[in-house]
Amino acid sequence: AAYVLNRDDSLYCASAWNDNGMSQLVKELDSVRRTDVFPGLGWMLPRRVWEEIEGDHTWPLAFWDEAMREPQIRKGRSCLIPEVNRAYTFGSHGNSQAGGNWWRRFLEPIRLAERPIAWTAKAASLSVG
């Protein structure tokens, strides 16, 4: 993802997380998508984007995940996300929803990739859907 992220100005981040990565919705381990919604977990951004944020003094003191969704930071750009997650939240403890109901309903069904993908070999020809 870093290879594409550093070469495509229409992108501002890449993530290992897909909010819609529930087992019944995903299947292709080596598929990458664009999203207009900042995913908030397991992400990176290129230096050029960090320098914009730092130079504009738009980095917040708190709630950075919400700030990353703001138009003045996003600027119409997208994030890369995997179809099948490369990151996973592993439990209901510490979650903000009482009794872990949110985790059981929305996060437990998230599929985690079962095997690694040789992304470096694919990067130059990566087709992003």
C-alpha atoms as a PDB file:
ATOM      1  CA  ALA A   1       0.000   0.000   0.000  1.00  0.00           C
ATOM      2  CA  ALA A   2       2.854   2.397   0.754  1.00  0.00           C
ATOM      3  CA  TYR A   3       4.106   2.143  -2.833  1.00  0.00           C
ATOM      4  CA  VAL A   4       0.757   3.242  -4.254  1.00  0.00           C
ATOM      5  CA  LEU A   5       0.055   5.733  -1.458  1.00  0.00           C
ATOM      6  CA  ASN A   6       3.316   7.580  -2.117  1.00  0.00           C
ATOM      7  CA  ARG A   7       2.654   7.813  -5.855  1.00  0.00           C
ATOM      8  CA  ASP A   8      -1.052   8.667  -6.028  1.00  0.00           C
ATOM      9  CA  ASP A   9      -2.053  12.187  -4.972  1.00  0.00           C
ATOM     10  CA  SER A  10      -5.727  11.188  -4.899  1.00  0.00           C
ATOM     11  CA  LEU A  11      -4.965   9.156  -1.744  1.00  0.00           C
ATOM     12  CA  TYR A  12      -4.297  10.459   1.748  1.00  0.00           C
ATOM     13  CA  CYS A  13      -4.064   7.260   3.782  1.00  0.00           C
ATOM     14  CA  ALA A  14      -3.962   3.476   3.747  1.00  0.00           C
ATOM     15  CA  SER A  15      -5.298   1.170   6.427  1.00  0.00           C
ATOM     16  CA  ALA A  16      -5.129  -2.476   7.428  1.00  0.00           C
ATOM     17  CA  TRP A  17      -8.779  -2.216   8.565  1.00  0.00           C
ATOM     18  CA  ASN A  18     -12.065  -2.498   6.679  1.00  0.00           C
ATOM     19  CA  ASP A  19     -15.143  -1.465   8.683  1.00  0.00           C
ATOM     20  CA  ASN A  20     -17.256  -3.650   6.396  1.00  0.00           C
ATOM     21  CA  GLY A  21     -14.917  -6.646   6.567  1.00  0.00           C
ATOM     22  CA  MET A  22     -17.439  -9.088   8.043  1.00  0.00           C
ATOM     23  CA  SER A  23     -16.940 -12.685   6.928  1.00  0.00           C
ATOM     24  CA  GLN A  24     -20.189 -12.807   4.951  1.00  0.00           C
ATOM     25  CA  LEU A  25     -19.227  -9.677   2.949  1.00  0.00           C
ATOM     26  CA  VAL A  26     -15.602 -10.370   1.972  1.00  0.00           C
ATOM     27  CA  LYS A  27     -13.703 -13.077   0.129  1.00  0.00           C
ATOM     28  CA  GLU A  28     -10.692 -11.834  -1.872  1.00  0.00           C
ATOM     29  CA  LEU A  29      -7.542 -11.771   0.277  1.00  0.00           C
ATOM     30  CA  ASP A  30      -5.569  -9.742  -2.264  1.00  0.00           C
ATOM     31  CA  SER A  31      -8.225  -7.164  -3.092  1.00  0.00           C
ATOM     32  CA  VAL A  32      -7.775  -3.508  -2.159  1.00  0.00           C
ATOM     33  CA  ARG A  33     -10.510  -0.854  -2.203  1.00  0.00           C
ATOM     34  CA  ARG A  34     -10.802   2.913  -1.954  1.00  0.00           C
ATOM     35  CA  THR A  35     -12.989   4.513   0.658  1.00  0.00           C
ATOM     36  CA  ASP A  36     -14.040   8.076   1.353  1.00  0.00           C
ATOM     37  CA  VAL A  37     -14.384   7.304   5.067  1.00  0.00           C
ATOM     38  CA  PHE A  38     -11.261   7.359   7.223  1.00  0.00           C
ATOM     39  CA  PRO A  39     -11.084   3.831   8.715  1.00  0.00           C
ATOM     40  CA  GLY A  40      -9.415   4.823  12.003  1.00  0.00           C
ATOM     41  CA  LEU A  41      -7.457   1.619  12.729  1.00  0.00           C
ATOM     42  CA  GLY A  42      -4.072   0.388  11.532  1.00  0.00           C
ATOM     43  CA  TRP A  43      -3.440   3.311   9.193  1.00  0.00           C
ATOM     44  CA  MET A  44      -0.588   5.252   7.659  1.00  0.00           C
ATOM     45  CA  LEU A  45      -0.297   8.414   5.641  1.00  0.00           C
ATOM     46  CA  PRO A  46       2.438   9.720   3.363  1.00  0.00           C
ATOM     47  CA  ARG A  47       4.870  12.385   4.573  1.00  0.00           C
ATOM     48  CA  ARG A  48       3.378  14.939   2.117  1.00  0.00           C
ATOM     49  CA  VAL A  49      -0.021  14.650   3.835  1.00  0.00           C
ATOM     50  CA  TRP A  50       1.492  14.911   7.324  1.00  0.00           C
ATOM     51  CA  GLU A  51       3.398  18.016   6.231  1.00  0.00           C
ATOM     52  CA  GLU A  52       0.119  19.561   4.969  1.00  0.00           C
ATOM     53  CA  ILE A  53      -1.611  18.838   8.274  1.00  0.00           C
ATOM     54  CA  GLU A  54       1.314  20.066  10.346  1.00  0.00           C
ATOM     55  CA  GLY A  55       1.789  23.164   8.174  1.00  0.00           C
ATOM     56  CA  ASP A  56      -1.906  24.063   8.352  1.00  0.00           C
ATOM     57  CA  HIS A  57      -1.925  23.508  12.131  1.00  0.00           C
ATOM     58  CA  THR A  58      -5.017  21.305  11.708  1.00  0.00           C
ATOM     59  CA  TRP A  59      -3.852  18.363  13.880  1.00  0.00           C
ATOM     60  CA  PRO A  60      -6.199  18.271  16.877  1.00  0.00           C
ATOM     61  CA  LEU A  61      -5.279  17.809  20.519  1.00  0.00           C
ATOM     62  CA  ALA A  62      -7.939  15.075  20.753  1.00  0.00           C
ATOM     63  CA  PHE A  63     -10.313  13.073  18.538  1.00  0.00           C
ATOM     64  CA  TRP A  64      -7.741  12.751  15.729  1.00  0.00           C
ATOM     65  CA  ASP A  65      -9.806  10.037  13.994  1.00  0.00           C
ATOM     66  CA  GLU A  66     -12.680  12.486  13.584  1.00  0.00           C
ATOM     67  CA  ALA A  67     -10.295  15.193  12.391  1.00  0.00           C
ATOM     68  CA  MET A  68      -8.976  12.871   9.663  1.00  0.00           C
ATOM     69  CA  ARG A  69     -12.531  12.769   8.257  1.00  0.00           C
ATOM     70  CA  GLU A  70     -12.811  16.562   8.038  1.00  0.00           C
ATOM     71  CA  PRO A  71     -12.877  18.130   4.543  1.00  0.00           C
ATOM     72  CA  GLN A  72      -9.909  20.434   5.276  1.00  0.00           C
ATOM     73  CA  ILE A  73      -7.720  17.368   5.884  1.00  0.00           C
ATOM     74  CA  ARG A  74      -9.326  14.889   3.494  1.00  0.00           C
ATOM     75  CA  LYS A  75      -9.491  17.362   0.569  1.00  0.00           C
ATOM     76  CA  GLY A  76     -11.552  14.951  -1.537  1.00  0.00           C
ATOM     77  CA  ARG A  77      -8.922  12.216  -1.294  1.00  0.00           C
ATOM     78  CA  SER A  78      -9.499   8.552  -0.503  1.00  0.00           C
ATOM     79  CA  CYS A  79      -7.967   5.885   1.717  1.00  0.00           C
ATOM     80  CA  LEU A  80      -6.904   2.413   0.642  1.00  0.00           C
ATOM     81  CA  ILE A  81      -8.372  -0.460   2.615  1.00  0.00           C
ATOM     82  CA  PRO A  82      -8.083  -4.218   2.187  1.00  0.00           C
ATOM     83  CA  GLU A  83     -11.183  -6.226   1.374  1.00  0.00           C
ATOM     84  CA  VAL A  84     -10.130  -8.716   4.064  1.00  0.00           C
ATOM     85  CA  ASN A  85      -8.728  -7.142   7.215  1.00  0.00           C
ATOM     86  CA  ARG A  86      -5.049  -7.215   8.128  1.00  0.00           C
ATOM     87  CA  ALA A  87      -5.786  -5.866  11.618  1.00  0.00           C
ATOM     88  CA  TYR A  88      -8.299  -7.112  14.176  1.00  0.00           C
ATOM     89  CA  THR A  89      -9.751  -6.016  17.464  1.00  0.00           C
ATOM     90  CA  PHE A  90      -9.619  -9.055  19.687  1.00  0.00           C
ATOM     91  CA  GLY A  91     -12.098  -8.546  22.456  1.00  0.00           C
ATOM     92  CA  SER A  92     -14.956  -6.755  24.103  1.00  0.00           C
ATOM     93  CA  HIS A  93     -13.000  -5.557  27.154  1.00  0.00           C
ATOM     94  CA  GLY A  94     -12.312  -1.847  27.199  1.00  0.00           C
ATOM     95  CA  ASN A  95     -14.915  -1.140  24.568  1.00  0.00           C
ATOM     96  CA  SER A  96     -17.201   1.828  25.076  1.00  0.00           C
ATOM     97  CA  GLN A  97     -20.413  -0.158  24.720  1.00  0.00           C
ATOM     98  CA  ALA A  98     -21.810  -1.700  27.898  1.00  0.00           C
ATOM     99  CA  GLY A  99     -21.500  -5.459  28.065  1.00  0.00           C
ATOM    100  CA  GLY A 100     -19.575  -5.785  24.805  1.00  0.00           C
ATOM    101  CA  ASN A 101     -22.726  -5.788  22.642  1.00  0.00           C
ATOM    102  CA  TRP A 102     -21.161  -3.531  19.998  1.00  0.00           C
ATOM    103  CA  TRP A 103     -18.139  -5.787  19.728  1.00  0.00           C
ATOM    104  CA  ARG A 104     -20.236  -8.978  19.477  1.00  0.00           C
ATOM    105  CA  ARG A 105     -22.533  -7.496  16.842  1.00  0.00           C
ATOM    106  CA  PHE A 106     -20.124  -5.573  14.617  1.00  0.00           C
ATOM    107  CA  LEU A 107     -16.519  -6.461  15.395  1.00  0.00           C
ATOM    108  CA  GLU A 108     -16.433 -10.149  16.273  1.00  0.00           C
ATOM    109  CA  PRO A 109     -17.701 -11.088  12.752  1.00  0.00           C
ATOM    110  CA  ILE A 110     -14.798  -9.211  11.103  1.00  0.00           C
ATOM    111  CA  ARG A 111     -12.675 -11.608   9.046  1.00  0.00           C
ATOM    112  CA  LEU A 112      -8.923 -11.512   9.527  1.00  0.00           C
ATOM    113  CA  ALA A 113      -6.663 -12.592   6.643  1.00  0.00           C
ATOM    114  CA  GLU A 114      -5.562 -16.192   7.124  1.00  0.00           C
ATOM    115  CA  ARG A 115      -2.282 -15.861   5.214  1.00  0.00           C
ATOM    116  CA  PRO A 116       0.088 -13.114   4.136  1.00  0.00           C
ATOM    117  CA  ILE A 117       0.059 -11.635   0.636  1.00  0.00           C
ATOM    118  CA  ALA A 118       3.297 -10.744  -1.195  1.00  0.00           C
ATOM    119  CA  TRP A 119       2.221  -7.113  -1.657  1.00  0.00           C
ATOM    120  CA  THR A 120       5.665  -5.942  -2.746  1.00  0.00           C
ATOM    121  CA  ALA A 121       5.512  -8.145  -5.832  1.00  0.00           C
ATOM    122  CA  LYS A 122       2.009  -6.845  -6.647  1.00  0.00           C
ATOM    123  CA  ALA A 123       2.512  -3.151  -5.807  1.00  0.00           C
ATOM    124  CA  ALA A 124       3.576  -1.808  -9.211  1.00  0.00           C
ATOM    125  CA  SER A 125       0.555  -3.351 -10.926  1.00  0.00           C
ATOM    126  CA  LEU A 126      -1.916  -2.905  -8.081  1.00  0.00           C
ATOM    127  CA  SER A 127      -5.399  -2.267  -9.402  1.00  0.00           C
ATOM    128  CA  VAL A 128      -7.434  -0.389  -6.866  1.00  0.00           C
ATOM    129  CA  GLY A 129     -11.215  -0.835  -7.159  1.00  0.00           C
END
